[in-house]
């Protein structure tokens, strides 16, 4: 009887985890770095210089800002808006809430956008 009291909570916890995982949908995988174009590779450098202190690239977990995994592949950005290239560019250039505006050249912005599409 004592074993049942020890095993039952573990079994219920495992079942709860199973149900929680069933409700989660996985996000599309990021493009492997070995397959990046030159623009995507340059965009990764821009990301690490300008964005990585606030955003994780390969998870949705927040750092100082939201994680950006599959940003261009999901229905809505953390703001609720659809992740169109125009909206992403606007957010980068003008900022939003706590995110400051980021000044980039046209080439840097184009490369960064190419990289964000790999996530």
C-alpha atoms as a PDB file:
ATOM      1  CA  UNK A   1       0.000   0.000   0.000  1.00  0.00           C
ATOM      2  CA  UNK A   2       2.855   2.384   0.827  1.00  0.00           C
ATOM      3  CA  UNK A   3       4.334   1.790  -2.662  1.00  0.00           C
ATOM      4  CA  UNK A   4       1.036   2.817  -4.237  1.00  0.00           C
ATOM      5  CA  UNK A   5       1.136   6.155  -2.414  1.00  0.00           C
ATOM      6  CA  UNK A   6       4.655   6.744  -3.754  1.00  0.00           C
ATOM      7  CA  UNK A   7       3.968   5.578  -7.317  1.00  0.00           C
ATOM      8  CA  UNK A   8       0.556   7.188  -7.836  1.00  0.00           C
ATOM      9  CA  UNK A   9       1.776  10.827  -7.663  1.00  0.00           C
ATOM     10  CA  UNK A  10       4.603   9.994 -10.074  1.00  0.00           C
ATOM     11  CA  UNK A  11       2.202   8.343 -12.509  1.00  0.00           C
ATOM     12  CA  UNK A  12      -0.201  11.278 -12.377  1.00  0.00           C
ATOM     13  CA  UNK A  13       2.659  13.729 -12.899  1.00  0.00           C
ATOM     14  CA  UNK A  14       3.888  11.774 -15.914  1.00  0.00           C
ATOM     15  CA  UNK A  15       0.373  11.682 -17.356  1.00  0.00           C
ATOM     16  CA  UNK A  16       0.050  15.436 -16.886  1.00  0.00           C
ATOM     17  CA  UNK A  17       3.339  16.016 -18.692  1.00  0.00           C
ATOM     18  CA  UNK A  18       2.133  13.776 -21.505  1.00  0.00           C
ATOM     19  CA  UNK A  19      -1.076  15.774 -21.881  1.00  0.00           C
ATOM     20  CA  UNK A  20       0.835  19.045 -21.801  1.00  0.00           C
ATOM     21  CA  UNK A  21       3.199  17.854 -24.516  1.00  0.00           C
ATOM     22  CA  UNK A  22       0.298  16.716 -26.686  1.00  0.00           C
ATOM     23  CA  UNK A  23      -1.043  20.271 -26.594  1.00  0.00           C
ATOM     24  CA  UNK A  24       2.265  21.758 -27.760  1.00  0.00           C
ATOM     25  CA  UNK A  25       2.899  21.958 -31.445  1.00  0.00           C
ATOM     26  CA  UNK A  26       6.459  21.915 -32.626  1.00  0.00           C
ATOM     27  CA  UNK A  27       7.836  24.743 -34.690  1.00  0.00           C
ATOM     28  CA  UNK A  28       9.570  24.174 -38.018  1.00  0.00           C
ATOM     29  CA  UNK A  29      13.277  23.499 -37.754  1.00  0.00           C
ATOM     30  CA  UNK A  30      15.760  26.250 -38.528  1.00  0.00           C
ATOM     31  CA  UNK A  31      17.722  26.032 -41.767  1.00  0.00           C
ATOM     32  CA  UNK A  32      21.083  24.336 -41.078  1.00  0.00           C
ATOM     33  CA  UNK A  33      23.987  26.776 -41.036  1.00  0.00           C
ATOM     34  CA  UNK A  34      25.836  24.689 -43.628  1.00  0.00           C
ATOM     35  CA  UNK A  35      23.055  25.518 -46.129  1.00  0.00           C
ATOM     36  CA  UNK A  36      22.978  29.285 -45.542  1.00  0.00           C
ATOM     37  CA  UNK A  37      23.505  31.638 -48.454  1.00  0.00           C
ATOM     38  CA  UNK A  38      26.128  34.384 -48.205  1.00  0.00           C
ATOM     39  CA  UNK A  39      23.356  36.878 -47.370  1.00  0.00           C
ATOM     40  CA  UNK A  40      21.999  34.655 -44.593  1.00  0.00           C
ATOM     41  CA  UNK A  41      25.495  34.230 -43.129  1.00  0.00           C
ATOM     42  CA  UNK A  42      26.067  37.993 -43.174  1.00  0.00           C
ATOM     43  CA  UNK A  43      22.620  38.424 -41.601  1.00  0.00           C
ATOM     44  CA  UNK A  44      23.629  36.064 -38.795  1.00  0.00           C
ATOM     45  CA  UNK A  45      26.611  38.327 -38.107  1.00  0.00           C
ATOM     46  CA  UNK A  46      24.331  41.373 -38.004  1.00  0.00           C
ATOM     47  CA  UNK A  47      21.968  39.493 -35.678  1.00  0.00           C
ATOM     48  CA  UNK A  48      24.767  38.582 -33.271  1.00  0.00           C
ATOM     49  CA  UNK A  49      26.093  42.160 -33.269  1.00  0.00           C
ATOM     50  CA  UNK A  50      22.773  44.005 -32.980  1.00  0.00           C
ATOM     51  CA  UNK A  51      20.052  41.630 -31.752  1.00  0.00           C
ATOM     52  CA  UNK A  52      21.483  38.698 -29.775  1.00  0.00           C
ATOM     53  CA  UNK A  53      21.795  40.623 -26.512  1.00  0.00           C
ATOM     54  CA  UNK A  54      17.987  40.728 -26.382  1.00  0.00           C
ATOM     55  CA  UNK A  55      16.704  37.864 -28.567  1.00  0.00           C
ATOM     56  CA  UNK A  56      17.440  34.139 -28.716  1.00  0.00           C
ATOM     57  CA  UNK A  57      17.484  32.995 -32.349  1.00  0.00           C
ATOM     58  CA  UNK A  58      16.627  29.302 -31.935  1.00  0.00           C
ATOM     59  CA  UNK A  59      13.991  29.253 -29.229  1.00  0.00           C
ATOM     60  CA  UNK A  60      10.771  31.073 -28.434  1.00  0.00           C
ATOM     61  CA  UNK A  61      11.888  31.633 -24.834  1.00  0.00           C
ATOM     62  CA  UNK A  62      12.434  35.301 -24.029  1.00  0.00           C
ATOM     63  CA  UNK A  63      15.762  36.864 -23.140  1.00  0.00           C
ATOM     64  CA  UNK A  64      15.136  40.623 -22.851  1.00  0.00           C
ATOM     65  CA  UNK A  65      12.841  40.410 -25.878  1.00  0.00           C
ATOM     66  CA  UNK A  66      10.974  37.434 -27.349  1.00  0.00           C
ATOM     67  CA  UNK A  67      12.798  34.445 -28.788  1.00  0.00           C
ATOM     68  CA  UNK A  68      12.675  34.508 -32.573  1.00  0.00           C
ATOM     69  CA  UNK A  69      12.575  30.837 -33.569  1.00  0.00           C
ATOM     70  CA  UNK A  70      10.340  30.407 -36.633  1.00  0.00           C
ATOM     71  CA  UNK A  71       9.468  34.127 -36.550  1.00  0.00           C
ATOM     72  CA  UNK A  72       8.653  34.218 -40.262  1.00  0.00           C
ATOM     73  CA  UNK A  73       6.873  30.851 -40.225  1.00  0.00           C
ATOM     74  CA  UNK A  74       4.268  31.470 -37.542  1.00  0.00           C
ATOM     75  CA  UNK A  75       0.853  33.115 -37.916  1.00  0.00           C
ATOM     76  CA  UNK A  76       1.556  36.032 -35.585  1.00  0.00           C
ATOM     77  CA  UNK A  77       4.510  37.755 -33.970  1.00  0.00           C
ATOM     78  CA  UNK A  78       4.511  38.283 -30.178  1.00  0.00           C
ATOM     79  CA  UNK A  79       2.677  41.565 -30.838  1.00  0.00           C
ATOM     80  CA  UNK A  80      -0.148  39.620 -32.499  1.00  0.00           C
ATOM     81  CA  UNK A  81       0.601  41.083 -35.933  1.00  0.00           C
ATOM     82  CA  UNK A  82       1.362  38.810 -38.889  1.00  0.00           C
ATOM     83  CA  UNK A  83       5.123  38.437 -39.502  1.00  0.00           C
ATOM     84  CA  UNK A  84       5.362  40.070 -42.913  1.00  0.00           C
ATOM     85  CA  UNK A  85       8.741  41.312 -44.113  1.00  0.00           C
ATOM     86  CA  UNK A  86       7.413  44.863 -44.096  1.00  0.00           C
ATOM     87  CA  UNK A  87       6.245  44.643 -40.482  1.00  0.00           C
ATOM     88  CA  UNK A  88       9.513  43.038 -39.340  1.00  0.00           C
ATOM     89  CA  UNK A  89      11.538  45.750 -41.103  1.00  0.00           C
ATOM     90  CA  UNK A  90       9.348  48.477 -39.591  1.00  0.00           C
ATOM     91  CA  UNK A  91       9.810  47.024 -36.099  1.00  0.00           C
ATOM     92  CA  UNK A  92      13.580  46.824 -36.539  1.00  0.00           C
ATOM     93  CA  UNK A  93      13.830  50.384 -37.853  1.00  0.00           C
ATOM     94  CA  UNK A  94      11.353  52.038 -35.476  1.00  0.00           C
ATOM     95  CA  UNK A  95      11.401  49.810 -32.400  1.00  0.00           C
ATOM     96  CA  UNK A  96       8.390  48.705 -30.381  1.00  0.00           C
ATOM     97  CA  UNK A  97       7.646  49.002 -26.659  1.00  0.00           C
ATOM     98  CA  UNK A  98      10.995  48.246 -24.965  1.00  0.00           C
ATOM     99  CA  UNK A  99      12.789  47.452 -28.227  1.00  0.00           C
ATOM    100  CA  UNK A 100      14.847  50.394 -29.443  1.00  0.00           C
ATOM    101  CA  UNK A 101      15.054  51.362 -33.092  1.00  0.00           C
ATOM    102  CA  UNK A 102      18.077  49.746 -34.736  1.00  0.00           C
ATOM    103  CA  UNK A 103      19.980  51.714 -37.364  1.00  0.00           C
ATOM    104  CA  UNK A 104      21.156  49.451 -40.188  1.00  0.00           C
ATOM    105  CA  UNK A 105      22.251  50.024 -43.739  1.00  0.00           C
ATOM    106  CA  UNK A 106      19.968  48.713 -46.483  1.00  0.00           C
ATOM    107  CA  UNK A 107      22.394  45.820 -47.082  1.00  0.00           C
ATOM    108  CA  UNK A 108      22.526  44.935 -43.371  1.00  0.00           C
ATOM    109  CA  UNK A 109      18.740  45.045 -43.148  1.00  0.00           C
ATOM    110  CA  UNK A 110      18.348  42.840 -46.222  1.00  0.00           C
ATOM    111  CA  UNK A 111      20.897  40.338 -44.881  1.00  0.00           C
ATOM    112  CA  UNK A 112      19.282  40.336 -41.421  1.00  0.00           C
ATOM    113  CA  UNK A 113      15.871  39.663 -42.937  1.00  0.00           C
ATOM    114  CA  UNK A 114      17.341  36.797 -44.971  1.00  0.00           C
ATOM    115  CA  UNK A 115      18.790  35.350 -41.750  1.00  0.00           C
ATOM    116  CA  UNK A 116      15.494  35.737 -39.859  1.00  0.00           C
ATOM    117  CA  UNK A 117      13.868  33.619 -42.571  1.00  0.00           C
ATOM    118  CA  UNK A 118      16.281  30.771 -41.698  1.00  0.00           C
ATOM    119  CA  UNK A 119      15.126  30.607 -38.081  1.00  0.00           C
END
